[in-house]
Every structure is written in C-alpha cells, then in structure tokens.
PDB file of N, CA and C in Angstrom:
ATOM      1  N   MET A   1       0.833  -1.206   0.000  1.00  0.00           N
ATOM      2  CA  MET A   1       0.000   0.000   0.000  1.00  0.00           C
ATOM      3  C   MET A   1       0.870   1.259   0.000  1.00  0.00           C
ATOM      4  N   GLN A   2       2.075   1.156   0.558  1.00  0.00           N
ATOM      5  CA  GLN A   2       2.979   2.305   0.582  1.00  0.00           C
ATOM      6  C   GLN A   2       3.405   2.668  -0.843  1.00  0.00           C
ATOM      7  N   ASP A   3       3.603   1.650  -1.679  1.00  0.00           N
ATOM      8  CA  ASP A   3       3.986   1.882  -3.071  1.00  0.00           C
ATOM      9  C   ASP A   3       2.932   2.724  -3.778  1.00  0.00           C
ATOM     10  N   PHE A   4       1.658   2.433  -3.479  1.00  0.00           N
ATOM     11  CA  PHE A   4       0.552   3.153  -4.106  1.00  0.00           C
ATOM     12  C   PHE A   4       0.679   4.655  -3.844  1.00  0.00           C
ATOM     13  N   TRP A   5       0.907   5.028  -2.599  1.00  0.00           N
ATOM     14  CA  TRP A   5       1.013   6.457  -2.253  1.00  0.00           C
ATOM     15  C   TRP A   5       2.259   7.079  -2.879  1.00  0.00           C
ATOM     16  N   TYR A   6       3.323   6.281  -2.984  1.00  0.00           N
ATOM     17  CA  TYR A   6       4.549   6.770  -3.624  1.00  0.00           C
ATOM     18  C   TYR A   6       4.267   7.126  -5.090  1.00  0.00           C
ATOM     19  N   ILE A   7       3.532   6.224  -5.767  1.00  0.00           N
ATOM     20  CA  ILE A   7       3.188   6.443  -7.178  1.00  0.00           C
ATOM     21  C   ILE A   7       2.283   7.670  -7.314  1.00  0.00           C
ATOM     22  N   VAL A   8       1.277   7.766  -6.430  1.00  0.00           N
ATOM     23  CA  VAL A   8       0.354   8.909  -6.470  1.00  0.00           C
ATOM     24  C   VAL A   8       1.138  10.212  -6.282  1.00  0.00           C
ATOM     25  N   GLY A   9       2.067  10.215  -5.328  1.00  0.00           N
ATOM     26  CA  GLY A   9       2.877  11.410  -5.076  1.00  0.00           C
ATOM     27  C   GLY A   9       3.712  11.772  -6.287  1.00  0.00           C
ATOM     28  N   ALA A  10       4.339  10.769  -6.896  1.00  0.00           N
ATOM     29  CA  ALA A  10       5.172  11.016  -8.072  1.00  0.00           C
ATOM     30  C   ALA A  10       4.330  11.591  -9.209  1.00  0.00           C
ATOM     31  N   TYR A  11       3.139  11.003  -9.419  1.00  0.00           N
ATOM     32  CA  TYR A  11       2.260  11.476 -10.484  1.00  0.00           C
ATOM     33  C   TYR A  11       1.836  12.916 -10.252  1.00  0.00           C
ATOM     34  N   SER A  12       1.453  13.240  -9.011  1.00  0.00           N
ATOM     35  CA  SER A  12       0.995  14.604  -8.730  1.00  0.00           C
ATOM     36  C   SER A  12       2.125  15.602  -8.948  1.00  0.00           C
ATOM     37  N   ILE A  13       3.352  15.234  -8.583  1.00  0.00           N
ATOM     38  CA  ILE A  13       4.498  16.127  -8.801  1.00  0.00           C
ATOM     39  C   ILE A  13       4.688  16.361 -10.299  1.00  0.00           C
ATOM     40  N   ILE A  14       4.603  15.275 -11.079  1.00  0.00           N
ATOM     41  CA  ILE A  14       4.774  15.386 -12.532  1.00  0.00           C
ATOM     42  C   ILE A  14       3.704  16.300 -13.118  1.00  0.00           C
ATOM     43  N   TRP A  15       2.437  16.115 -12.670  1.00  0.00           N
ATOM     44  CA  TRP A  15       1.341  16.934 -13.202  1.00  0.00           C
ATOM     45  C   TRP A  15       1.532  18.394 -12.843  1.00  0.00           C
ATOM     46  N   VAL A  16       1.994  18.658 -11.607  1.00  0.00           N
ATOM     47  CA  VAL A  16       2.227  20.048 -11.181  1.00  0.00           C
ATOM     48  C   VAL A  16       3.323  20.673 -12.046  1.00  0.00           C
ATOM     49  N   LEU A  17       4.404  19.912 -12.274  1.00  0.00           N
ATOM     50  CA  LEU A  17       5.501  20.417 -13.103  1.00  0.00           C
ATOM     51  C   LEU A  17       5.018  20.685 -14.524  1.00  0.00           C
ATOM     52  N   LEU A  18       4.260  19.721 -15.077  1.00  0.00           N
ATOM     53  CA  LEU A  18       3.733  19.881 -16.433  1.00  0.00           C
ATOM     54  C   LEU A  18       2.829  21.100 -16.512  1.00  0.00           C
ATOM     55  N   GLY A  19       1.944  21.252 -15.524  1.00  0.00           N
ATOM     56  CA  GLY A  19       1.019  22.384 -15.499  1.00  0.00           C
ATOM     57  C   GLY A  19       1.772  23.702 -15.453  1.00  0.00           C
ATOM     58  N   GLY A  20       2.770  23.780 -14.591  1.00  0.00           N
ATOM     59  CA  GLY A  20       3.570  24.998 -14.484  1.00  0.00           C
ATOM     60  C   GLY A  20       4.301  25.288 -15.783  1.00  0.00           C
ATOM     61  N   TYR A  21       4.838  24.232 -16.410  1.00  0.00           N
ATOM     62  CA  TYR A  21       5.556  24.385 -17.673  1.00  0.00           C
ATOM     63  C   TYR A  21       4.626  24.920 -18.755  1.00  0.00           C
ATOM     64  N   MET A  22       3.418  24.323 -18.832  1.00  0.00           N
ATOM     65  CA  MET A  22       2.441  24.746 -19.836  1.00  0.00           C
ATOM     66  C   MET A  22       2.044  26.204 -19.617  1.00  0.00           C
ATOM     67  N   LEU A  23       1.820  26.575 -18.351  1.00  0.00           N
ATOM     68  CA  LEU A  23       1.446  27.962 -18.033  1.00  0.00           C
ATOM     69  C   LEU A  23       2.570  28.908 -18.440  1.00  0.00           C
ATOM     70  N   GLY A  24       3.807  28.544 -18.111  1.00  0.00           N
ATOM     71  CA  GLY A  24       4.952  29.375 -18.467  1.00  0.00           C
ATOM     72  C   GLY A  24       5.069  29.517 -19.973  1.00  0.00           C
ATOM     73  N   LEU A  25       4.858  28.404 -20.677  1.00  0.00           N
ATOM     74  CA  LEU A  25       4.934  28.404 -22.131  1.00  0.00           C
ATOM     75  C   LEU A  25       3.860  29.322 -22.705  1.00  0.00           C
ATOM     76  N   GLY A  26       2.640  29.215 -22.180  1.00  0.00           N
ATOM     77  CA  GLY A  26       1.532  30.052 -22.641  1.00  0.00           C
ATOM     78  C   GLY A  26       1.839  31.522 -22.447  1.00  0.00           C
ATOM     79  N   THR A  27       2.428  31.855 -21.301  1.00  0.00           N
ATOM     80  CA  THR A  27       2.771  33.255 -21.022  1.00  0.00           C
ATOM     81  C   THR A  27       3.814  33.742 -22.019  1.00  0.00           C
ATOM     82  N   LYS A  28       4.822  32.912 -22.288  1.00  0.00           N
ATOM     83  CA  LYS A  28       5.877  33.299 -23.231  1.00  0.00           C
ATOM     84  C   LYS A  28       5.292  33.522 -24.618  1.00  0.00           C
ATOM     85  N   ILE A  29       4.373  32.641 -25.025  1.00  0.00           N
ATOM     86  CA  ILE A  29       3.775  32.755 -26.360  1.00  0.00           C
ATOM     87  C   ILE A  29       2.983  34.054 -26.464  1.00  0.00           C
ATOM     88  N   THR A  30       2.211  34.395 -25.428  1.00  0.00           N
ATOM     89  CA  THR A  30       1.427  35.643 -25.476  1.00  0.00           C
ATOM     90  C   THR A  30       2.365  36.841 -25.533  1.00  0.00           C
ATOM     91  N   GLU A  31       3.466  36.791 -24.782  1.00  0.00           N
ATOM     92  CA  GLU A  31       4.434  37.899 -24.808  1.00  0.00           C
ATOM     93  C   GLU A  31       5.020  38.048 -26.209  1.00  0.00           C
ATOM     94  N   LEU A  32       5.354  36.905 -26.826  1.00  0.00           N
ATOM     95  CA  LEU A  32       5.905  36.927 -28.185  1.00  0.00           C
ATOM     96  C   LEU A  32       4.902  37.546 -29.149  1.00  0.00           C
ATOM     97  N   ASN A  33       3.638  37.133 -29.051  1.00  0.00           N
ATOM     98  CA  ASN A  33       2.598  37.666 -29.930  1.00  0.00           C
ATOM     99  C   ASN A  33       2.457  39.171 -29.752  1.00  0.00           C
ATOM    100  N   LYS A  34       2.540  39.634 -28.506  1.00  0.00           N
ATOM    101  CA  LYS A  34       2.436  41.078 -28.246  1.00  0.00           C
ATOM    102  C   LYS A  34       3.593  41.810 -28.913  1.00  0.00           C
ATOM    103  N   ARG A  35       4.796  41.234 -28.811  1.00  0.00           N
ATOM    104  CA  ARG A  35       5.970  41.864 -29.432  1.00  0.00           C
ATOM    105  C   ARG A  35       5.808  41.918 -30.942  1.00  0.00           C
ATOM    106  N   ILE A  36       5.334  40.808 -31.523  1.00  0.00           N
ATOM    107  CA  ILE A  36       5.142  40.745 -32.977  1.00  0.00           C
ATOM    108  C   ILE A  36       4.119  41.791 -33.401  1.00  0.00           C
ATOM    109  N   ASP A  37       3.021  41.903 -32.647  1.00  0.00           N
ATOM    110  CA  ASP A  37       1.987  42.895 -32.950  1.00  0.00           C
ATOM    111  C   ASP A  37       2.573  44.302 -32.898  1.00  0.00           C
ATOM    112  N   ALA A  38       3.405  44.569 -31.898  1.00  0.00           N
ATOM    113  CA  ALA A  38       4.011  45.891 -31.741  1.00  0.00           C
ATOM    114  C   ALA A  38       4.915  46.194 -32.936  1.00  0.00           C
ATOM    115  N   VAL A  39       5.695  45.203 -33.355  1.00  0.00           N
ATOM    116  CA  VAL A  39       6.603  45.397 -34.496  1.00  0.00           C
ATOM    117  C   VAL A  39       5.796  45.677 -35.760  1.00  0.00           C
ATOM    118  N   GLU A  40       4.722  44.912 -35.971  1.00  0.00           N
ATOM    119  CA  GLU A  40       3.891  45.106 -37.161  1.00  0.00           C
ATOM    120  C   GLU A  40       3.221  46.472 -37.133  1.00  0.00           C
ATOM    121  N   ALA A  41       2.798  46.916 -35.953  1.00  0.00           N
ATOM    122  CA  ALA A  41       2.165  48.233 -35.818  1.00  0.00           C
ATOM    123  C   ALA A  41       3.165  49.324 -36.183  1.00  0.00           C
ATOM    124  N   ASP A  42       4.422  49.144 -35.778  1.00  0.00           N
ATOM    125  CA  ASP A  42       5.460  50.127 -36.109  1.00  0.00           C
ATOM    126  C   ASP A  42       5.678  50.181 -37.623  1.00  0.00           C
ATOM    127  N   LYS A  43       5.647  49.029 -38.282  1.00  0.00           N
ATOM    128  CA  LYS A  43       5.855  48.974 -39.732  1.00  0.00           C
ATOM    129  C   LYS A  43       4.742  49.727 -40.462  1.00  0.00           C
ATOM    130  N   GLU A  44       3.515  49.606 -39.962  1.00  0.00           N
ATOM    131  CA  GLU A  44       2.364  50.210 -40.636  1.00  0.00           C
ATOM    132  C   GLU A  44       2.390  51.732 -40.550  1.00  0.00           C
ATOM    133  N   ARG A  45       3.038  52.283 -39.534  1.00  0.00           N
ATOM    134  CA  ARG A  45       3.054  53.742 -39.355  1.00  0.00           C
ATOM    135  C   ARG A  45       3.798  54.447 -40.483  1.00  0.00           C
TER     136      ARG A  45
END
C-alpha cells in the first residue's frame, strides 16, 4: 500500500511540473505575440 502512495505522489508532482511548464509556455507565447503585434504596428506607421 505504501507503493501506491509513492506512485500517487510522483504522479501529482509530474502533473504540477507539467502544469507549471504549460502555463509558463503560454505566457511566453502571449508575450511573443504582443511583441510581434508591436513590431507590425510600427511597420504600418
């Protein structure tokens, strides 16, 4: 039964790491899009 909790703990850690990674990635992508939009806006002027 101890193995079960060990596996559950490992899985939850992995999911937390994955979730944080995905959130960080999403933030970076939005920042990139904002920069691209700003550059394109400058070109149009």
